[in-house]
Amino acid sequence: MTRLWEKGLPLDQRVLAFTAGEDHRLDARLVPYDVLGCVAHAEMLAAQDLITDQDCKAICDGLRKLEQGFADGEWEIRLEDEDVHTALESRLTELIGPAGGRLHLGRSRNDQVLTALRLYSLDAIDAVSESIGGLCQSLSGLAAREGDTALPGFTHMQHAMPSSVALWSEGFIEAFEDDAAGLQASRRRLGKNPLGSAAGYGTPGLAIDRELTTAKLGFDETQVPVTAVQLSRGKAESGLLFELTLLVQDLGRLASDLLLFYTQEFAYIELAPEVTTGSSIMPQKRNPDVLELIRASSATSQACLEECLMITAKLPSGYQRDLQRLKSPLFRSIDLAIECVDIMSHVLKGLKFRPENIRLDESINAAREANELASRENIPFREAYRRVAERYNK
């Protein structure tokens, strides 16, 4: 196996295992995105007369065949491949001959991996946003079914003012819609095309057309100057991870409410039996494990963000191998967010409120009484507040 960077020198197997890390496993999701980037690059090379049209066609057809073969389980990325990029190029050369080796002209593995990661991340934003849409629909369905059910509004964990299932649900709907908007805002950095920046200093001696690959790949703009590309690594990832952290924190707050409502002391809700688990020792128990795991997930999301931020903190300019470590927290946070959003949506579809158990404290309308008194008697609110407080604090 010849890796993209090899110069014919022996490589210690321990060094390969350490430097490749998890990439041969993580990169499975990047295969279609690396194919997209490779096809666009090959077509650009042909348009610039840097490779022949015949070689371009062989490269593009071969890449698409390899992509389908990977999806069909005909091959996999092995440790010896090191990553998706070597795996594809080496198999492409085996498949179509020397033309496969011409694909790497005018690029580095550095801009190649970043192109695939950004294309993947942009699709991931759409996938998470779609899941958020499903969650908002579940909350809307709950509000439609049980919106008139009265709930106490809480401050300081005490009854404060009247609320309802509709008002409670709508608050979370707005929070999740805001999270979706935040995810879309994170596209600003991800929408910059790094392809053609190579190892961070361009492609001297080659007349490549970076604007062409920007258009072919659907990026918003070409990232310039080329020296900015490696400096930007970790920023786009951190922006996306920050928005995912806010999303999962909102899920945790929703889970925390529901866990409180599910206790015997509250008994405001019942959960569908299929979303609860049993105890290994207590026959009577039905446990809301799903909600507890969602609540815990914000710690993982925040840790992924912190990991990304700390990897890039104080790195010098130019490419550093440290940047390889960004991939794992990025993928982990994306997967976790989608999983948590989807399972919460499923839980909500079978959730029912129990209005017979919901009792509102008799003082819960005190703020309304003070407002009405101030308006009716045209007195300062603080005077109305004092008079109402005297009635409830005797």
Protein backbone atom coordinates (compact mmCIF):
# COMPACT_ATOMS: atom_id res chain seq x y z
CA MET A 1 0.00 0.00 0.00
CA THR A 2 1.44 3.37 -1.05
CA ARG A 3 0.13 6.31 0.96
CA LEU A 4 -0.17 9.76 -0.58
CA TRP A 5 2.81 11.16 1.32
CA GLU A 6 5.22 8.19 1.13
CA LYS A 7 8.72 8.53 -0.31
CA GLY A 8 9.70 4.84 -0.30
CA LEU A 9 11.08 4.75 3.23
CA PRO A 10 10.05 2.02 5.71
CA LEU A 11 7.26 2.91 8.13
CA ASP A 12 7.08 1.38 11.59
CA GLN A 13 3.70 -0.34 12.04
CA ARG A 14 3.34 1.28 15.44
CA VAL A 15 3.86 4.72 13.89
CA LEU A 16 1.25 3.97 11.21
CA ALA A 17 -1.29 2.84 13.82
CA PHE A 18 -0.66 5.92 15.94
CA THR A 19 -0.67 8.52 13.17
CA ALA A 20 -3.62 7.00 11.30
CA GLY A 21 -5.55 6.92 14.57
CA GLU A 22 -9.26 6.36 14.01
CA ASP A 23 -9.31 7.78 10.50
CA HIS A 24 -9.72 4.46 8.74
CA ARG A 25 -12.92 3.95 10.76
CA LEU A 26 -14.16 7.53 10.94
CA ASP A 27 -13.70 8.21 7.24
CA ALA A 28 -16.43 5.84 6.07
CA ARG A 29 -18.91 8.72 6.12
CA LEU A 30 -16.57 10.85 4.02
CA VAL A 31 -16.35 8.52 1.00
CA PRO A 32 -19.14 10.20 -1.04
CA TYR A 33 -17.83 13.67 -0.14
CA ASP A 34 -14.26 12.87 -1.10
CA VAL A 35 -15.58 11.47 -4.38
CA LEU A 36 -17.46 14.75 -4.98
CA GLY A 37 -14.32 16.77 -4.32
CA CYS A 38 -12.17 14.48 -6.49
CA VAL A 39 -14.60 14.61 -9.42
CA ALA A 40 -14.77 18.41 -9.27
CA HIS A 41 -10.97 18.59 -9.07
CA ALA A 42 -10.52 16.25 -12.05
CA GLU A 43 -13.00 18.23 -14.14
CA MET A 44 -11.18 21.44 -13.26
CA LEU A 45 -7.83 19.91 -14.27
CA ALA A 46 -9.31 18.87 -17.62
CA ALA A 47 -10.83 22.32 -18.16
CA GLN A 48 -7.38 23.82 -17.59
CA ASP A 49 -5.76 21.29 -19.98
CA LEU A 50 -3.73 19.84 -17.12
CA ILE A 51 -5.09 16.35 -17.82
CA THR A 52 -6.79 15.00 -20.92
CA ASP A 53 -10.54 14.69 -21.26
CA GLN A 54 -10.05 10.94 -21.65
CA ASP A 55 -8.19 10.69 -18.34
CA CYS A 56 -10.81 12.91 -16.69
CA LYS A 57 -13.62 10.62 -17.81
CA ALA A 58 -11.76 7.52 -16.64
CA ILE A 59 -11.08 9.14 -13.26
CA CYS A 60 -14.66 10.31 -12.72
CA ASP A 61 -16.22 7.01 -13.86
CA GLY A 62 -13.78 5.08 -11.70
CA LEU A 63 -14.48 7.20 -8.63
CA ARG A 64 -18.23 6.77 -8.98
CA LYS A 65 -17.78 3.03 -9.39
CA LEU A 66 -15.66 2.89 -6.25
CA GLU A 67 -18.25 4.94 -4.35
CA GLN A 68 -20.98 2.48 -5.31
CA GLY A 69 -18.73 -0.44 -4.44
CA PHE A 70 -18.09 1.01 -1.01
CA ALA A 71 -21.83 1.50 -0.43
CA ASP A 72 -22.39 -2.13 -1.51
CA GLY A 73 -19.77 -3.40 0.93
CA GLU A 74 -17.29 -4.51 -1.74
CA TRP A 75 -14.36 -2.78 -0.04
CA GLU A 76 -13.58 -0.91 3.15
CA ILE A 77 -11.01 1.55 4.43
CA ARG A 78 -8.27 -0.36 6.22
CA LEU A 79 -5.57 0.76 8.62
CA GLU A 80 -3.05 0.22 5.82
CA ASP A 81 -4.98 2.77 3.75
CA GLU A 82 -4.64 5.26 6.60
CA ASP A 83 -7.60 7.34 5.42
CA VAL A 84 -10.33 7.71 2.80
CA HIS A 85 -8.09 9.69 0.45
CA THR A 86 -5.38 7.05 0.09
CA ALA A 87 -8.01 4.32 -0.02
CA LEU A 88 -9.78 5.91 -2.96
CA GLU A 89 -6.73 6.99 -4.94
CA SER A 90 -4.90 3.68 -4.60
CA ARG A 91 -7.97 1.69 -5.65
CA LEU A 92 -8.64 4.12 -8.46
CA THR A 93 -5.13 3.58 -9.83
CA GLU A 94 -5.60 -0.19 -9.59
CA LEU A 95 -8.89 0.17 -11.44
CA ILE A 96 -7.99 2.56 -14.28
CA GLY A 97 -4.21 2.52 -14.39
CA PRO A 98 -1.77 5.49 -14.44
CA ALA A 99 -4.55 8.03 -15.01
CA GLY A 100 -5.55 7.52 -11.38
CA GLY A 101 -2.20 8.91 -10.24
CA ARG A 102 -2.81 12.13 -12.18
CA LEU A 103 -5.73 13.05 -9.92
CA HIS A 104 -3.52 14.44 -7.16
CA LEU A 105 -2.00 17.12 -9.37
CA GLY A 106 -2.71 20.57 -7.96
CA ARG A 107 -3.83 19.61 -4.48
CA SER A 108 -2.62 18.27 -1.13
CA ARG A 109 -4.20 15.89 1.29
CA ASN A 110 -4.63 18.97 3.52
CA ASP A 111 -7.09 20.80 1.28
CA GLN A 112 -8.57 17.48 0.15
CA VAL A 113 -9.63 16.39 3.64
CA LEU A 114 -10.91 19.84 4.52
CA THR A 115 -13.04 19.94 1.36
CA ALA A 116 -14.64 16.60 2.22
CA LEU A 117 -15.18 17.63 5.85
CA ARG A 118 -16.88 20.88 4.90
CA LEU A 119 -19.15 19.22 2.35
CA TYR A 120 -20.07 16.61 4.95
CA SER A 121 -20.65 19.23 7.65
CA LEU A 122 -22.98 21.22 5.40
CA ASP A 123 -25.06 18.11 4.80
CA ALA A 124 -24.96 17.34 8.53
CA ILE A 125 -26.48 20.75 9.27
CA ASP A 126 -29.37 19.87 6.98
CA ALA A 127 -29.78 16.48 8.67
CA VAL A 128 -29.83 17.98 12.18
CA SER A 129 -32.21 20.72 11.03
CA GLU A 130 -34.57 18.12 9.59
CA SER A 131 -34.56 16.28 12.92
CA ILE A 132 -35.29 19.54 14.75
CA GLY A 133 -38.26 20.07 12.44
CA GLY A 134 -39.61 16.66 13.47
CA LEU A 135 -39.12 17.52 17.14
CA CYS A 136 -41.01 20.81 16.75
CA GLN A 137 -43.84 18.91 15.07
CA SER A 138 -43.99 16.53 18.05
CA LEU A 139 -44.15 19.48 20.44
CA SER A 140 -46.84 21.12 18.30
CA GLY A 141 -48.81 17.87 18.32
CA LEU A 142 -48.58 17.72 22.09
CA ALA A 143 -49.79 21.33 22.34
CA ALA A 144 -52.68 20.56 20.00
CA ARG A 145 -53.71 17.50 21.99
CA GLU A 146 -53.35 18.89 25.49
CA GLY A 147 -52.64 22.59 25.16
CA ASP A 148 -55.51 23.65 27.45
CA THR A 149 -54.19 21.63 30.37
CA ALA A 150 -53.18 24.03 33.13
CA LEU A 151 -49.63 23.97 34.42
CA PRO A 152 -47.91 26.00 37.09
CA GLY A 153 -45.16 28.26 35.80
CA PHE A 154 -42.09 27.90 37.98
CA THR A 155 -39.47 30.29 39.26
CA HIS A 156 -36.96 29.17 41.88
CA MET A 157 -38.58 25.69 41.65
CA GLN A 158 -41.80 27.10 43.14
CA HIS A 159 -45.22 27.87 41.69
CA ALA A 160 -45.01 31.39 40.31
CA MET A 161 -47.62 32.20 37.65
CA PRO A 162 -50.19 30.22 35.64
CA SER A 163 -49.04 28.45 32.52
CA SER A 164 -50.37 25.68 30.28
CA VAL A 165 -49.14 22.77 28.22
CA ALA A 166 -49.49 24.98 25.12
CA LEU A 167 -47.43 27.82 26.60
CA TRP A 168 -44.80 25.40 27.93
CA SER A 169 -44.57 23.61 24.56
CA GLU A 170 -44.39 26.83 22.57
CA GLY A 171 -41.45 28.04 24.62
CA PHE A 172 -39.44 24.96 23.69
CA ILE A 173 -40.56 25.15 20.05
CA GLU A 174 -39.13 28.66 19.83
CA ALA A 175 -35.92 27.50 21.52
CA PHE A 176 -35.44 24.69 19.01
CA GLU A 177 -36.30 26.92 16.06
CA ASP A 178 -33.62 29.29 17.33
CA ASP A 179 -31.18 26.36 17.48
CA ALA A 180 -32.00 25.51 13.86
CA ALA A 181 -31.36 29.13 12.87
CA GLY A 182 -28.04 29.03 14.71
CA LEU A 183 -27.04 25.91 12.81
CA GLN A 184 -27.79 27.63 9.53
CA ALA A 185 -25.67 30.60 10.63
CA SER A 186 -22.71 28.25 11.13
CA ARG A 187 -22.69 27.67 7.36
CA ARG A 188 -20.88 30.99 6.90
CA ARG A 189 -17.45 29.53 7.59
CA LEU A 190 -18.24 26.06 6.25
CA GLY A 191 -19.35 27.51 2.90
CA LYS A 192 -15.82 28.56 1.90
CA ASN A 193 -14.03 26.38 -0.65
CA PRO A 194 -10.53 25.36 0.54
CA LEU A 195 -9.74 23.21 -2.51
CA GLY A 196 -6.70 24.46 -4.40
CA SER A 197 -5.00 25.90 -1.36
CA ALA A 198 -3.01 22.64 -1.25
CA ALA A 199 -0.72 22.47 1.77
CA GLY A 200 -1.54 26.08 2.58
CA TYR A 201 0.56 27.91 0.04
CA GLY A 202 -1.23 27.28 -3.24
CA THR A 203 0.00 25.40 -6.33
CA PRO A 204 3.02 27.22 -7.78
CA GLY A 205 3.58 26.57 -11.46
CA LEU A 206 0.02 25.38 -12.12
CA ALA A 207 -2.81 27.46 -13.54
CA ILE A 208 -5.70 25.96 -11.61
CA ASP A 209 -9.20 27.45 -11.49
CA ARG A 210 -10.44 27.54 -7.90
CA GLU A 211 -13.62 29.40 -8.81
CA LEU A 212 -14.61 26.47 -11.02
CA THR A 213 -14.43 23.95 -8.17
CA THR A 214 -16.27 26.41 -5.91
CA ALA A 215 -19.15 26.45 -8.40
CA LYS A 216 -19.09 22.69 -9.02
CA LEU A 217 -19.15 21.84 -5.31
CA GLY A 218 -21.79 24.42 -4.38
CA PHE A 219 -19.62 26.42 -1.99
CA ASP A 220 -20.62 30.03 -1.38
CA GLU A 221 -17.17 31.44 -2.03
CA THR A 222 -13.53 30.58 -2.60
CA GLN A 223 -11.40 30.90 0.51
CA VAL A 224 -8.57 33.37 -0.09
CA PRO A 225 -5.78 33.92 0.49
CA VAL A 226 -4.55 30.33 0.46
CA THR A 227 -2.68 30.93 3.71
CA ALA A 228 -6.02 31.60 5.46
CA VAL A 229 -7.26 28.05 4.90
CA GLN A 230 -5.17 26.25 7.52
CA LEU A 231 -5.69 29.14 9.96
CA SER A 232 -9.44 28.63 9.57
CA ARG A 233 -9.35 24.97 10.53
CA GLY A 234 -11.14 24.41 13.80
CA LYS A 235 -13.08 27.68 13.56
CA ALA A 236 -15.83 26.34 11.31
CA GLU A 237 -15.90 23.10 13.29
CA SER A 238 -16.11 24.99 16.59
CA GLY A 239 -18.90 27.20 15.27
CA LEU A 240 -20.95 24.15 14.35
CA LEU A 241 -20.12 22.39 17.62
CA PHE A 242 -21.16 25.48 19.59
CA GLU A 243 -24.59 25.49 17.94
CA LEU A 244 -24.94 21.74 18.52
CA THR A 245 -24.07 22.29 22.18
CA LEU A 246 -26.83 24.89 22.54
CA LEU A 247 -29.26 22.50 20.88
CA VAL A 248 -28.41 19.61 23.17
CA GLN A 249 -28.54 21.90 26.21
CA ASP A 250 -32.11 22.85 25.23
CA LEU A 251 -32.90 19.15 24.93
CA GLY A 252 -31.43 18.65 28.40
CA ARG A 253 -33.69 21.37 29.84
CA LEU A 254 -36.72 19.78 28.21
CA ALA A 255 -35.66 16.39 29.56
CA SER A 256 -35.16 17.90 33.03
CA ASP A 257 -38.72 19.28 33.05
CA LEU A 258 -40.14 15.96 31.95
CA LEU A 259 -38.12 14.04 34.53
CA LEU A 260 -39.50 16.32 37.25
CA PHE A 261 -43.04 15.94 35.91
CA TYR A 262 -42.62 12.13 35.88
CA THR A 263 -41.73 11.80 39.58
CA GLN A 264 -44.33 10.36 41.95
CA GLU A 265 -44.32 13.68 43.79
CA PHE A 266 -45.48 15.52 40.66
CA ALA A 267 -47.06 12.76 38.55
CA TYR A 268 -47.96 15.35 35.89
CA ILE A 269 -47.22 13.02 32.98
CA GLU A 270 -47.19 9.42 31.93
CA LEU A 271 -44.73 8.01 29.43
CA ALA A 272 -45.46 5.29 26.91
CA PRO A 273 -44.27 1.95 28.34
CA GLU A 274 -42.04 1.30 25.35
CA VAL A 275 -39.86 4.35 26.08
CA THR A 276 -39.22 3.38 29.71
CA THR A 277 -37.06 0.60 31.11
CA GLY A 278 -37.40 -1.78 34.04
CA SER A 279 -35.34 -2.23 37.17
CA SER A 280 -33.09 -5.25 37.67
CA ILE A 281 -34.29 -5.63 41.27
CA MET A 282 -37.51 -3.63 41.79
CA PRO A 283 -40.46 -5.16 39.94
CA GLN A 284 -42.62 -2.04 40.15
CA LYS A 285 -40.17 0.37 38.51
CA ARG A 286 -40.50 1.94 35.07
CA ASN A 287 -37.50 4.19 34.60
CA PRO A 288 -37.20 7.25 32.32
CA ASP A 289 -33.65 6.27 31.28
CA VAL A 290 -34.03 7.84 27.84
CA LEU A 291 -34.65 11.27 29.32
CA GLU A 292 -31.78 10.91 31.78
CA LEU A 293 -29.37 10.02 28.98
CA ILE A 294 -30.55 13.01 26.93
CA ARG A 295 -29.97 15.23 29.96
CA ALA A 296 -26.44 13.85 30.32
CA SER A 297 -25.66 14.36 26.63
CA SER A 298 -25.07 18.10 26.95
CA ALA A 299 -21.87 17.24 28.83
CA THR A 300 -20.63 15.26 25.85
CA SER A 301 -21.57 18.00 23.40
CA GLN A 302 -19.79 20.65 25.42
CA ALA A 303 -16.75 18.39 25.81
CA CYS A 304 -16.58 17.99 22.02
CA LEU A 305 -16.64 21.77 21.64
CA GLU A 306 -13.94 22.22 24.28
CA GLU A 307 -11.81 19.50 22.69
CA CYS A 308 -11.99 21.24 19.33
CA LEU A 309 -11.19 24.66 20.80
CA MET A 310 -8.25 23.35 22.81
CA ILE A 311 -6.73 21.46 19.87
CA THR A 312 -6.46 24.62 17.80
CA ALA A 313 -5.58 27.05 20.59
CA LYS A 314 -2.11 28.56 20.07
CA LEU A 315 -1.21 26.46 17.03
CA PRO A 316 1.18 28.29 14.70
CA SER A 317 0.08 29.09 11.17
CA GLY A 318 0.28 26.47 8.45
CA TYR A 319 -0.76 22.84 8.63
CA GLN A 320 -0.13 20.90 11.83
CA ARG A 321 -1.01 17.21 12.31
CA ASP A 322 -2.87 18.18 15.51
CA LEU A 323 -5.75 19.17 13.23
CA GLN A 324 -6.45 15.51 12.46
CA ARG A 325 -7.88 15.24 15.98
CA LEU A 326 -10.77 17.57 15.11
CA LYS A 327 -12.58 14.88 13.20
CA SER A 328 -13.60 12.66 16.12
CA PRO A 329 -15.31 15.31 18.31
CA LEU A 330 -17.04 16.78 15.25
CA PHE A 331 -18.53 13.45 14.19
CA ARG A 332 -19.39 12.45 17.75
CA SER A 333 -21.30 15.66 18.45
CA ILE A 334 -23.23 15.53 15.17
CA ASP A 335 -24.26 11.91 15.72
CA LEU A 336 -25.24 12.58 19.33
CA ALA A 337 -27.37 15.60 18.43
CA ILE A 338 -29.35 13.75 15.77
CA GLU A 339 -29.81 10.74 18.03
CA CYS A 340 -31.03 12.84 20.98
CA VAL A 341 -33.38 15.01 18.92
CA ASP A 342 -34.95 11.99 17.23
CA ILE A 343 -35.44 10.01 20.44
CA MET A 344 -36.96 13.04 22.22
CA SER A 345 -39.38 13.47 19.33
CA HIS A 346 -40.35 9.81 19.71
CA VAL A 347 -40.87 10.17 23.48
CA LEU A 348 -43.13 13.20 23.05
CA LYS A 349 -45.43 11.42 20.61
CA GLY A 350 -46.53 9.00 23.33
CA LEU A 351 -46.47 11.42 26.27
CA LYS A 352 -49.70 12.27 28.09
CA PHE A 353 -50.38 14.84 30.79
CA ARG A 354 -52.44 13.89 33.84
CA PRO A 355 -54.51 17.01 34.67
CA GLU A 356 -56.12 15.27 37.65
CA ASN A 357 -52.74 15.41 39.41
CA ILE A 358 -51.91 19.01 38.56
CA ARG A 359 -52.73 21.36 41.40
CA LEU A 360 -51.99 25.08 41.18
CA ASP A 361 -51.10 26.94 44.39
CA GLU A 362 -53.85 29.35 45.45
CA SER A 363 -51.40 32.26 45.29
CA ILE A 364 -50.45 31.62 41.66
CA ASN A 365 -52.59 34.52 40.39
CA ALA A 366 -51.06 37.06 42.79
CA ALA A 367 -49.16 38.91 40.05
CA ARG A 368 -52.34 39.21 37.99
CA GLU A 369 -54.23 40.51 41.01
CA ALA A 370 -51.57 43.16 41.61
CA ASN A 371 -51.68 44.26 37.96
CA GLU A 372 -55.47 44.47 37.96
CA LEU A 373 -55.54 46.36 41.28
CA ALA A 374 -53.00 48.93 40.08
CA SER A 375 -54.99 49.44 36.88
CA ARG A 376 -58.42 49.52 38.53
CA GLU A 377 -57.52 51.94 41.32
CA ASN A 378 -54.91 53.90 39.38
CA ILE A 379 -52.30 53.39 42.09
CA PRO A 380 -48.55 52.69 41.73
CA PHE A 381 -47.79 49.04 41.05
CA ARG A 382 -45.59 48.85 44.16
CA GLU A 383 -48.57 49.88 46.31
CA ALA A 384 -50.75 47.23 44.66
CA TYR A 385 -47.93 44.70 45.07
CA ARG A 386 -47.70 45.45 48.82
CA ARG A 387 -51.44 45.17 49.38
CA VAL A 388 -51.71 41.82 47.55
CA ALA A 389 -48.59 40.51 49.34
CA GLU A 390 -50.17 41.28 52.71
CA ARG A 391 -53.07 38.97 51.92
CA TYR A 392 -50.84 36.03 51.04
CA ASN A 393 -48.23 36.50 53.76
CA LYS A 394 -50.30 36.70 56.90
